[in-house]
Amino acid sequence: MKATTQKRVLAVIMGGGRGTRLNPLTLERCKPAVPLAGKYRLVDIPISNCLNSDINRMFLLTQFQTQSLHRHVQSTYHFDPFGGGFVDILAAEQTEKGSDWYQGTADAVRRNLVHFRSFPHDLVLVLSGDQLYRMDFREIIDEHLANQADVTIAAIPFPVSKVAGLGLMQVRDDHSIARFVEKPKDPAVIDSLTLSAALEKGLSPCPEKRCLASMGIYVFNRAVLEAALDNTMTDFGKEIIPGLLGQKKLFAHIFEGYWEDIGTVRAFFDANLALAQPHPPFNFFDPTAPIYTHARFLPASKLNKCQIDHVVIGDGSILTDSTLKHCVLGIRARIGEGSVVEDTIVMGSDFYETDAEIAANVVQGRPNLGIGRNCRIFGAIIDKNTRIGEGCVLSARGKADGSYAGGLVIVRDGVLVVAKNAVLPPGTVV
């Protein structure tokens, strides 16, 4: 299959809607452009999985706050002219048939079928742009072909106690799909969707009953996809997939591995901080399937008299006489002397300040980029290009979700977030 994947498959990466559940991280960027793990963007995950699976023709569908995403993709993914590879961003556009936004995942794909038809392909691989996982897509494609399936859905076993908000499927022992229920809440319905003994036997043991949850990853035969979208349905999980049951051959590809849907501030926070563990659930160090991102050519990070415990540090960071515990620091992060930062994601900066700019900040009473001296920060996300003055104390402990410090600080899902480009005066306490 490896020799033919490039010519048979088009990958379509869903950039998501407004990303309201990730707000304020999506105030100035779309979900796929949100920084991840110190130096990456969320979009690097599906793109890298495709490249590592010998799939090099990708369409990225998005519509909100796309400038940052455009800049990252265009500066990162370059293909030689002989391989025919590309990552093409397709934003919602006005046409003779309509001028409104994408109404859902299926609607977004439907509107771009005209662009897909310009490239020879037999299969369409539909992916989400806000998930953290590593998958060799050649395996699901091989299963799809072996089963002579019309649609194959990647599914992950989840304990019944953790399936809230997920699309669940009932799968026969031959992996054909019998039922698909989008985000069920009734315990009786969930119980009816649990795995059979035969399917459980082939998986790693688990003390709890499990269901198969859709990962939002689909392989469609080209003709089946076009026919399935010849209507006004807007969503794959809620409408398209259930509508195909009993009409087409639907199979599940069971995936056992780390997978995290980074759709909320809490999920983003937890998934990032997990990377600071000695043996994180997602391994960015796997040389056989690297995660690609923009090559910035930054200097090595510089640490002066710091106490560091379980910290990921991005390139070009400068840390001075500070204490950091269980943190993820992005590129060009700066932390001043005497500061204590724990359980925190610091996204860093897009640029360095010159000596002249730093001197001007002093005259204007404006904090420099980064975290100033003698700050205390706990359980927070510090977005890019923020300026946190000396002696600030920031913590979500005991804080209700809401807006603080004149809207520059937001607590959401129990996580304190300092918005991108925010300037916190010295001595700010939240």
Protein backbone atom coordinates (compact mmCIF):
# COMPACT_ATOMS: atom_id res chain seq x y z
CA MET A 1 0.00 0.00 0.00
CA LYS A 2 2.84 2.38 0.76
CA ALA A 3 3.82 2.82 -2.87
CA THR A 4 0.33 3.86 -3.93
CA THR A 5 -1.00 5.83 -0.96
CA GLN A 6 0.08 9.21 -2.30
CA LYS A 7 -1.85 8.80 -5.54
CA ARG A 8 -4.97 7.22 -4.04
CA VAL A 9 -5.71 9.40 -1.00
CA LEU A 10 -6.59 13.02 -0.38
CA ALA A 11 -6.56 14.16 3.25
CA VAL A 12 -9.04 16.77 4.44
CA ILE A 13 -8.27 18.39 7.81
CA MET A 14 -11.17 20.11 9.54
CA GLY A 15 -10.08 23.43 11.03
CA GLY A 16 -13.15 23.73 13.25
CA GLY A 17 -15.56 26.55 13.90
CA ARG A 18 -15.14 29.56 16.15
CA GLY A 19 -13.42 27.48 18.82
CA THR A 20 -15.57 29.00 21.55
CA ARG A 21 -14.72 26.24 24.04
CA LEU A 22 -11.02 27.16 23.68
CA ASN A 23 -11.66 30.87 24.16
CA PRO A 24 -9.64 33.01 25.01
CA LEU A 25 -6.89 31.01 23.27
CA THR A 26 -8.87 31.38 20.03
CA LEU A 27 -9.60 35.10 20.30
CA GLU A 28 -6.93 35.93 17.72
CA ARG A 29 -6.32 32.54 16.08
CA CYS A 30 -8.25 29.51 14.86
CA LYS A 31 -8.03 26.21 16.73
CA PRO A 32 -5.44 24.52 14.50
CA ALA A 33 -3.07 27.47 15.07
CA VAL A 34 -3.08 27.21 18.89
CA PRO A 35 0.50 26.59 20.16
CA LEU A 36 1.24 23.13 21.55
CA ALA A 37 4.07 21.50 23.53
CA GLY A 38 6.39 24.49 23.55
CA LYS A 39 7.17 24.76 19.82
CA TYR A 40 4.37 23.21 17.76
CA ARG A 41 0.86 24.12 16.62
CA LEU A 42 -2.15 21.82 16.84
CA VAL A 43 -2.28 21.59 13.05
CA ASP A 44 1.20 20.03 13.02
CA ILE A 45 -0.25 16.81 14.47
CA PRO A 46 -2.60 15.76 11.61
CA ILE A 47 -0.19 17.06 8.97
CA SER A 48 2.72 15.10 10.45
CA ASN A 49 0.59 11.97 10.78
CA CYS A 50 -0.23 12.28 7.09
CA LEU A 51 3.38 12.80 6.04
CA ASN A 52 4.50 9.85 8.17
CA SER A 53 1.79 7.77 6.46
CA ASP A 54 3.01 8.62 2.95
CA ILE A 55 0.07 10.98 2.35
CA ASN A 56 1.27 14.33 1.03
CA ARG A 57 -1.83 15.94 -0.51
CA MET A 58 -3.78 17.75 2.19
CA PHE A 59 -6.57 20.30 2.29
CA LEU A 60 -7.07 22.32 5.47
CA LEU A 61 -10.62 23.70 5.83
CA THR A 62 -11.04 26.70 8.08
CA GLN A 63 -12.91 29.97 8.31
CA PHE A 64 -12.17 31.98 11.49
CA GLN A 65 -9.01 33.94 12.35
CA THR A 66 -6.93 32.21 9.67
CA GLN A 67 -3.99 34.63 9.30
CA SER A 68 -1.80 32.98 11.93
CA LEU A 69 -2.57 29.55 10.49
CA HIS A 70 -1.77 30.68 6.94
CA ARG A 71 1.56 32.10 8.04
CA HIS A 72 2.54 28.95 9.92
CA VAL A 73 1.57 26.49 7.18
CA GLN A 74 3.13 28.52 4.36
CA SER A 75 6.41 28.96 6.22
CA THR A 76 6.60 25.33 7.37
CA TYR A 77 5.44 22.86 4.72
CA HIS A 78 7.38 23.02 1.46
CA PHE A 79 7.27 20.20 -1.06
CA ASP A 80 9.53 19.45 -3.98
CA PRO A 81 7.89 19.87 -7.39
CA PHE A 82 8.29 16.19 -8.29
CA GLY A 83 6.31 14.67 -5.42
CA GLY A 84 3.08 16.57 -6.04
CA GLY A 85 2.60 17.28 -2.33
CA PHE A 86 0.85 20.28 -0.80
CA VAL A 87 -1.06 21.62 2.19
CA ASP A 88 -3.77 23.83 0.72
CA ILE A 89 -5.81 26.06 3.06
CA LEU A 90 -9.43 26.42 1.96
CA ALA A 91 -11.21 29.14 3.90
CA ALA A 92 -14.95 29.70 3.61
CA GLU A 93 -15.57 31.83 0.55
CA GLN A 94 -18.43 33.53 -1.19
CA THR A 95 -19.65 31.82 -4.35
CA GLU A 96 -22.65 32.03 -6.68
CA LYS A 97 -24.26 29.29 -4.57
CA GLY A 98 -23.88 30.98 -1.19
CA SER A 99 -22.05 33.51 0.93
CA ASP A 100 -22.50 32.20 4.48
CA TRP A 101 -20.05 30.39 6.77
CA TYR A 102 -19.53 26.64 6.84
CA GLN A 103 -22.50 25.22 8.71
CA GLY A 104 -20.72 22.08 9.94
CA THR A 105 -18.10 19.49 9.05
CA ALA A 106 -20.10 17.93 6.22
CA ASP A 107 -21.08 21.31 4.82
CA ALA A 108 -17.43 22.38 4.77
CA VAL A 109 -16.40 19.29 2.80
CA ARG A 110 -19.39 19.59 0.44
CA ARG A 111 -18.47 23.14 -0.53
CA ASN A 112 -14.93 22.12 -1.40
CA LEU A 113 -15.62 19.00 -3.45
CA VAL A 114 -15.05 21.11 -6.55
CA HIS A 115 -11.45 21.69 -5.41
CA PHE A 116 -10.86 18.01 -4.60
CA ARG A 117 -11.98 16.91 -8.06
CA SER A 118 -8.96 18.63 -9.61
CA PHE A 119 -6.73 15.90 -8.16
CA PRO A 120 -6.91 12.18 -8.99
CA HIS A 121 -7.92 10.12 -5.95
CA ASP A 122 -9.96 7.09 -4.90
CA LEU A 123 -10.22 7.74 -1.15
CA VAL A 124 -10.77 10.77 1.06
CA LEU A 125 -9.34 10.76 4.58
CA VAL A 126 -11.22 13.21 6.83
CA LEU A 127 -9.35 14.36 9.95
CA SER A 128 -9.85 16.71 12.88
CA GLY A 129 -7.48 19.62 13.41
CA ASP A 130 -7.61 19.73 17.21
CA GLN A 131 -6.56 16.28 18.41
CA LEU A 132 -3.30 14.95 19.84
CA TYR A 133 -2.42 11.42 18.72
CA ARG A 134 -0.04 9.48 16.50
CA MET A 135 -1.52 7.14 13.89
CA ASP A 136 -0.22 5.43 10.77
CA PHE A 137 -3.12 6.04 8.40
CA ARG A 138 -1.90 3.28 6.09
CA GLU A 139 -3.32 0.78 8.58
CA ILE A 140 -6.88 2.16 8.47
CA ILE A 141 -6.65 2.48 4.68
CA ASP A 142 -5.47 -1.13 4.33
CA GLU A 143 -8.39 -2.31 6.52
CA HIS A 144 -10.79 -0.19 4.49
CA LEU A 145 -9.66 -1.84 1.26
CA ALA A 146 -9.52 -5.35 2.72
CA ASN A 147 -13.11 -5.03 4.02
CA GLN A 148 -14.26 -3.54 0.70
CA ALA A 149 -15.83 -0.85 2.89
CA ASP A 150 -17.60 2.26 1.72
CA VAL A 151 -16.71 4.14 4.92
CA THR A 152 -14.28 3.27 7.72
CA ILE A 153 -14.36 5.12 11.04
CA ALA A 154 -11.44 5.17 13.45
CA ALA A 155 -12.70 4.15 16.90
CA ILE A 156 -11.02 4.10 20.29
CA PRO A 157 -12.15 1.98 23.28
CA PHE A 158 -13.33 4.19 26.17
CA PRO A 159 -14.58 3.13 29.63
CA VAL A 160 -18.30 3.83 29.97
CA SER A 161 -17.53 6.31 32.76
CA LYS A 162 -15.65 8.55 30.31
CA VAL A 163 -17.78 8.50 27.15
CA ALA A 164 -19.74 11.69 27.86
CA GLY A 165 -19.83 13.95 24.82
CA LEU A 166 -18.51 11.31 22.39
CA GLY A 167 -20.15 9.64 19.42
CA LEU A 168 -20.47 5.91 20.17
CA MET A 169 -20.89 2.95 17.86
CA GLN A 170 -22.03 -0.63 18.22
CA VAL A 171 -19.64 -2.86 16.29
CA ARG A 172 -20.09 -6.47 15.26
CA ASP A 173 -17.31 -8.99 15.73
CA ASP A 174 -16.20 -8.53 12.10
CA HIS A 175 -15.82 -4.77 12.85
CA SER A 176 -18.83 -3.80 10.74
CA ILE A 177 -20.88 -1.03 12.36
CA ALA A 178 -24.40 -1.86 13.50
CA ARG A 179 -25.38 1.40 15.25
CA PHE A 180 -24.03 4.90 15.65
CA VAL A 181 -25.29 7.21 18.41
CA GLU A 182 -24.01 10.78 18.68
CA LYS A 183 -23.23 11.80 22.29
CA PRO A 184 -25.76 9.58 24.13
CA LYS A 185 -26.64 10.43 27.75
CA ASP A 186 -29.04 7.65 28.69
CA PRO A 187 -27.10 4.98 30.71
CA ALA A 188 -29.26 2.24 29.18
CA VAL A 189 -28.35 3.34 25.66
CA ILE A 190 -24.66 3.52 26.56
CA ASP A 191 -24.81 0.06 28.12
CA SER A 192 -26.36 -1.33 24.92
CA LEU A 193 -23.35 -0.06 22.97
CA THR A 194 -20.66 -1.78 25.03
CA LEU A 195 -18.13 -4.05 23.37
CA SER A 196 -18.86 -7.72 22.84
CA ALA A 197 -16.78 -10.32 24.67
CA ALA A 198 -15.07 -11.26 21.40
CA LEU A 199 -13.98 -7.68 20.69
CA GLU A 200 -12.87 -7.13 24.29
CA LYS A 201 -10.74 -10.26 24.11
CA GLY A 202 -8.63 -8.78 21.34
CA LEU A 203 -7.86 -5.57 23.27
CA SER A 204 -5.68 -4.65 26.21
CA PRO A 205 -7.47 -5.59 29.45
CA CYS A 206 -9.64 -3.04 31.26
CA PRO A 207 -11.57 -3.54 34.53
CA GLU A 208 -14.52 -1.49 33.26
CA LYS A 209 -16.97 -2.04 30.42
CA ARG A 210 -15.99 -0.15 27.30
CA CYS A 211 -17.60 1.42 24.26
CA LEU A 212 -16.06 2.32 20.94
CA ALA A 213 -15.97 6.10 20.50
CA SER A 214 -15.58 7.79 17.15
CA MET A 215 -12.29 9.66 16.80
CA GLY A 216 -13.69 11.90 14.07
CA ILE A 217 -11.37 10.20 11.55
CA TYR A 218 -13.09 8.81 8.44
CA VAL A 219 -12.01 7.07 5.25
CA PHE A 220 -14.56 7.49 2.43
CA ASN A 221 -14.63 6.02 -1.01
CA ARG A 222 -14.69 9.02 -3.32
CA ALA A 223 -18.04 8.24 -4.95
CA VAL A 224 -19.66 7.38 -1.62
CA LEU A 225 -18.58 10.70 -0.11
CA GLU A 226 -19.92 12.72 -3.02
CA ALA A 227 -23.25 10.87 -2.95
CA ALA A 228 -23.52 11.20 0.85
CA LEU A 229 -23.07 14.97 0.57
CA ASP A 230 -25.65 15.42 -2.17
CA ASN A 231 -28.13 16.95 0.28
CA THR A 232 -28.31 19.70 2.90
CA MET A 233 -26.97 17.73 5.88
CA THR A 234 -24.32 19.70 7.76
CA ASP A 235 -22.53 17.32 10.15
CA PHE A 236 -20.78 13.97 9.71
CA GLY A 237 -21.32 12.58 13.21
CA LYS A 238 -24.92 13.70 13.69
CA GLU A 239 -26.31 13.18 10.20
CA ILE A 240 -24.09 11.77 7.45
CA ILE A 241 -22.77 8.67 9.25
CA PRO A 242 -26.12 7.63 10.83
CA GLY A 243 -27.78 8.18 7.45
CA LEU A 244 -25.39 5.76 5.75
CA LEU A 245 -26.06 2.90 8.18
CA GLY A 246 -27.95 0.14 6.42
CA GLN A 247 -27.29 1.82 3.08
CA LYS A 248 -23.52 1.41 2.76
CA LYS A 249 -20.82 -0.84 4.19
CA LEU A 250 -19.50 0.87 7.32
CA PHE A 251 -16.58 -0.56 9.30
CA ALA A 252 -14.66 0.46 12.40
CA HIS A 253 -10.87 0.59 12.65
CA ILE A 254 -10.08 0.02 16.33
CA PHE A 255 -7.18 2.16 17.55
CA GLU A 256 -5.42 1.47 20.83
CA GLY A 257 -3.13 4.33 21.72
CA TYR A 258 -3.04 7.80 23.18
CA TRP A 259 -5.69 10.13 21.79
CA GLU A 260 -6.86 13.42 23.24
CA ASP A 261 -9.52 15.73 21.84
CA ILE A 262 -8.17 19.19 22.67
CA GLY A 263 -11.46 21.02 22.39
CA THR A 264 -11.61 22.82 25.75
CA VAL A 265 -9.25 24.96 27.82
CA ARG A 266 -9.04 22.24 30.48
CA ALA A 267 -8.24 19.52 27.91
CA PHE A 268 -5.59 21.75 26.34
CA PHE A 269 -4.09 22.54 29.76
CA ASP A 270 -3.98 18.92 30.93
CA ALA A 271 -2.64 17.53 27.64
CA ASN A 272 0.20 20.08 27.55
CA LEU A 273 1.25 19.67 31.16
CA ALA A 274 1.23 15.88 30.76
CA LEU A 275 4.14 16.35 28.35
CA ALA A 276 6.31 17.51 31.26
CA GLN A 277 6.07 14.09 32.92
CA PRO A 278 9.13 11.79 32.80
CA HIS A 279 7.25 9.37 30.54
CA PRO A 280 4.48 11.42 28.89
CA PRO A 281 1.50 9.65 27.30
CA PHE A 282 2.38 11.25 23.96
CA ASN A 283 5.99 10.89 22.87
CA PHE A 284 7.37 13.74 20.78
CA PHE A 285 10.76 12.00 20.81
CA ASP A 286 9.78 9.07 18.56
CA PRO A 287 12.33 9.18 15.71
CA THR A 288 10.27 6.85 13.51
CA ALA A 289 7.32 9.24 13.28
CA PRO A 290 8.49 12.82 13.91
CA ILE A 291 6.14 15.74 14.45
CA TYR A 292 7.10 18.52 12.07
CA THR A 293 6.85 22.24 12.65
CA HIS A 294 8.34 25.56 11.57
CA ALA A 295 12.15 25.67 11.65
CA ARG A 296 12.91 28.94 13.46
CA PHE A 297 16.71 28.74 13.83
CA LEU A 298 16.58 30.11 17.36
CA PRO A 299 19.52 29.99 19.77
CA ALA A 300 19.65 27.44 22.56
CA SER A 301 17.80 28.40 25.73
CA LYS A 302 19.75 30.07 28.54
CA LEU A 303 19.19 29.25 32.21
CA ASN A 304 20.89 31.19 34.98
CA LYS A 305 20.71 29.93 38.61
CA CYS A 306 17.28 28.30 38.08
CA GLN A 307 15.59 25.52 40.00
CA ILE A 308 13.74 23.34 37.51
CA ASP A 309 11.57 20.27 38.10
CA HIS A 310 9.74 18.54 35.21
CA VAL A 311 9.77 21.40 32.71
CA VAL A 312 9.63 21.48 28.89
CA ILE A 313 11.58 24.48 27.60
CA GLY A 314 11.19 25.86 24.08
CA ASP A 315 14.05 27.19 21.97
CA GLY A 316 15.46 30.66 22.58
CA SER A 317 14.18 31.04 26.14
CA ILE A 318 15.95 33.09 28.83
CA LEU A 319 15.28 32.11 32.45
CA THR A 320 16.98 33.94 35.29
CA ASP A 321 17.22 32.85 38.93
CA SER A 322 13.67 31.50 38.94
CA THR A 323 11.90 28.40 40.23
CA LEU A 324 9.83 26.33 37.81
CA LYS A 325 7.91 23.17 38.56
CA HIS A 326 5.78 21.13 36.15
CA CYS A 327 5.63 23.68 33.34
CA VAL A 328 5.73 23.89 29.55
CA LEU A 329 7.56 26.93 28.16
CA GLY A 330 7.24 28.01 24.56
CA ILE A 331 9.76 29.67 22.28
CA ARG A 332 11.46 32.89 23.44
CA ALA A 333 9.97 32.59 26.92
CA ARG A 334 11.46 35.02 29.46
CA ILE A 335 11.13 34.69 33.22
CA GLY A 336 12.70 37.19 35.60
CA GLU A 337 14.67 36.54 38.76
CA GLY A 338 12.87 35.57 41.93
CA SER A 339 9.75 34.33 40.13
CA VAL A 340 8.02 31.06 40.98
CA VAL A 341 5.98 29.34 38.24
CA GLU A 342 4.16 26.04 38.82
CA ASP A 343 1.69 23.94 36.80
CA THR A 344 1.74 26.54 34.07
CA ILE A 345 1.99 26.82 30.29
CA VAL A 346 3.99 29.84 29.11
CA MET A 347 3.64 30.18 25.34
CA GLY A 348 6.52 32.62 24.94
CA SER A 349 6.83 35.30 22.29
CA ASP A 350 6.91 35.78 18.54
CA PHE A 351 9.90 38.15 18.71
CA TYR A 352 12.69 39.50 20.90
CA GLU A 353 12.83 43.08 22.12
CA THR A 354 15.92 45.12 21.31
CA ASP A 355 17.96 46.88 23.99
CA ALA A 356 16.48 50.19 22.80
CA GLU A 357 12.93 48.84 23.17
CA ILE A 358 13.68 47.53 26.65
CA ALA A 359 15.07 50.95 27.65
CA ALA A 360 11.96 52.63 26.22
CA ASN A 361 9.76 50.31 28.26
CA VAL A 362 11.46 51.53 31.43
CA VAL A 363 10.78 55.15 30.50
CA GLN A 364 7.15 54.40 29.67
CA GLY A 365 6.61 52.23 32.75
CA ARG A 366 5.71 49.32 30.52
CA PRO A 367 6.70 45.74 31.47
CA ASN A 368 9.10 43.92 29.17
CA LEU A 369 7.99 40.87 27.21
CA GLY A 370 7.57 37.81 29.39
CA ILE A 371 7.22 37.32 33.13
CA GLY A 372 8.88 39.95 35.30
CA ARG A 373 10.76 39.62 38.56
CA ASN A 374 9.30 38.22 41.79
CA CYS A 375 6.06 36.92 40.27
CA ARG A 376 4.03 33.97 41.59
CA ILE A 377 2.04 32.05 38.96
CA PHE A 378 0.14 28.81 39.57
CA GLY A 379 -2.19 26.74 37.35
CA ALA A 380 -2.18 29.14 34.42
CA ILE A 381 -1.82 29.52 30.67
CA ILE A 382 0.21 32.59 29.71
CA ASP A 383 -0.51 33.25 26.05
CA LYS A 384 1.97 34.68 23.56
CA ASN A 385 3.54 38.14 23.68
CA THR A 386 2.24 38.90 27.17
CA ARG A 387 3.92 41.39 29.48
CA ILE A 388 3.59 40.57 33.16
CA GLY A 389 5.00 43.22 35.47
CA GLU A 390 7.06 42.69 38.60
CA GLY A 391 5.41 41.18 41.65
CA CYS A 392 2.27 39.87 39.95
CA VAL A 393 0.44 37.01 41.65
CA LEU A 394 -1.76 34.86 39.40
CA SER A 395 -3.63 31.74 40.46
CA ALA A 396 -6.90 30.02 39.60
CA ARG A 397 -7.17 28.52 43.09
CA GLY A 398 -10.52 29.38 44.58
CA LYS A 399 -11.49 31.50 41.58
CA ALA A 400 -14.82 31.13 39.82
CA ASP A 401 -14.83 31.06 36.02
CA GLY A 402 -15.03 34.62 34.77
CA SER A 403 -13.12 37.74 33.78
CA TYR A 404 -10.52 39.47 35.96
CA ALA A 405 -8.04 42.36 35.77
CA GLY A 406 -10.18 44.33 33.35
CA GLY A 407 -10.66 41.37 31.04
CA LEU A 408 -6.93 40.67 30.58
CA VAL A 409 -7.20 37.56 32.75
CA ILE A 410 -9.90 34.93 32.26
CA VAL A 411 -10.54 31.86 34.39
CA ARG A 412 -12.15 29.07 32.40
CA ASP A 413 -12.60 25.40 33.26
CA GLY A 414 -10.69 26.17 36.45
CA VAL A 415 -7.63 27.38 34.49
CA LEU A 416 -6.34 30.96 34.64
CA VAL A 417 -5.53 32.36 31.19
CA VAL A 418 -3.66 35.58 30.45
CA ALA A 419 -4.80 36.64 26.98
CA LYS A 420 -2.44 37.06 24.04
CA ASN A 421 -0.66 40.46 23.97
CA ALA A 422 -2.00 41.35 27.43
CA VAL A 423 -0.07 43.82 29.58
CA LEU A 424 -0.45 43.27 33.34
CA PRO A 425 0.80 46.19 35.47
CA PRO A 426 3.29 45.45 38.25
CA GLY A 427 1.66 44.12 41.41
CA THR A 428 -1.45 42.74 39.71
CA VAL A 429 -3.09 40.10 41.90
CA VAL A 430 -5.73 37.66 40.66
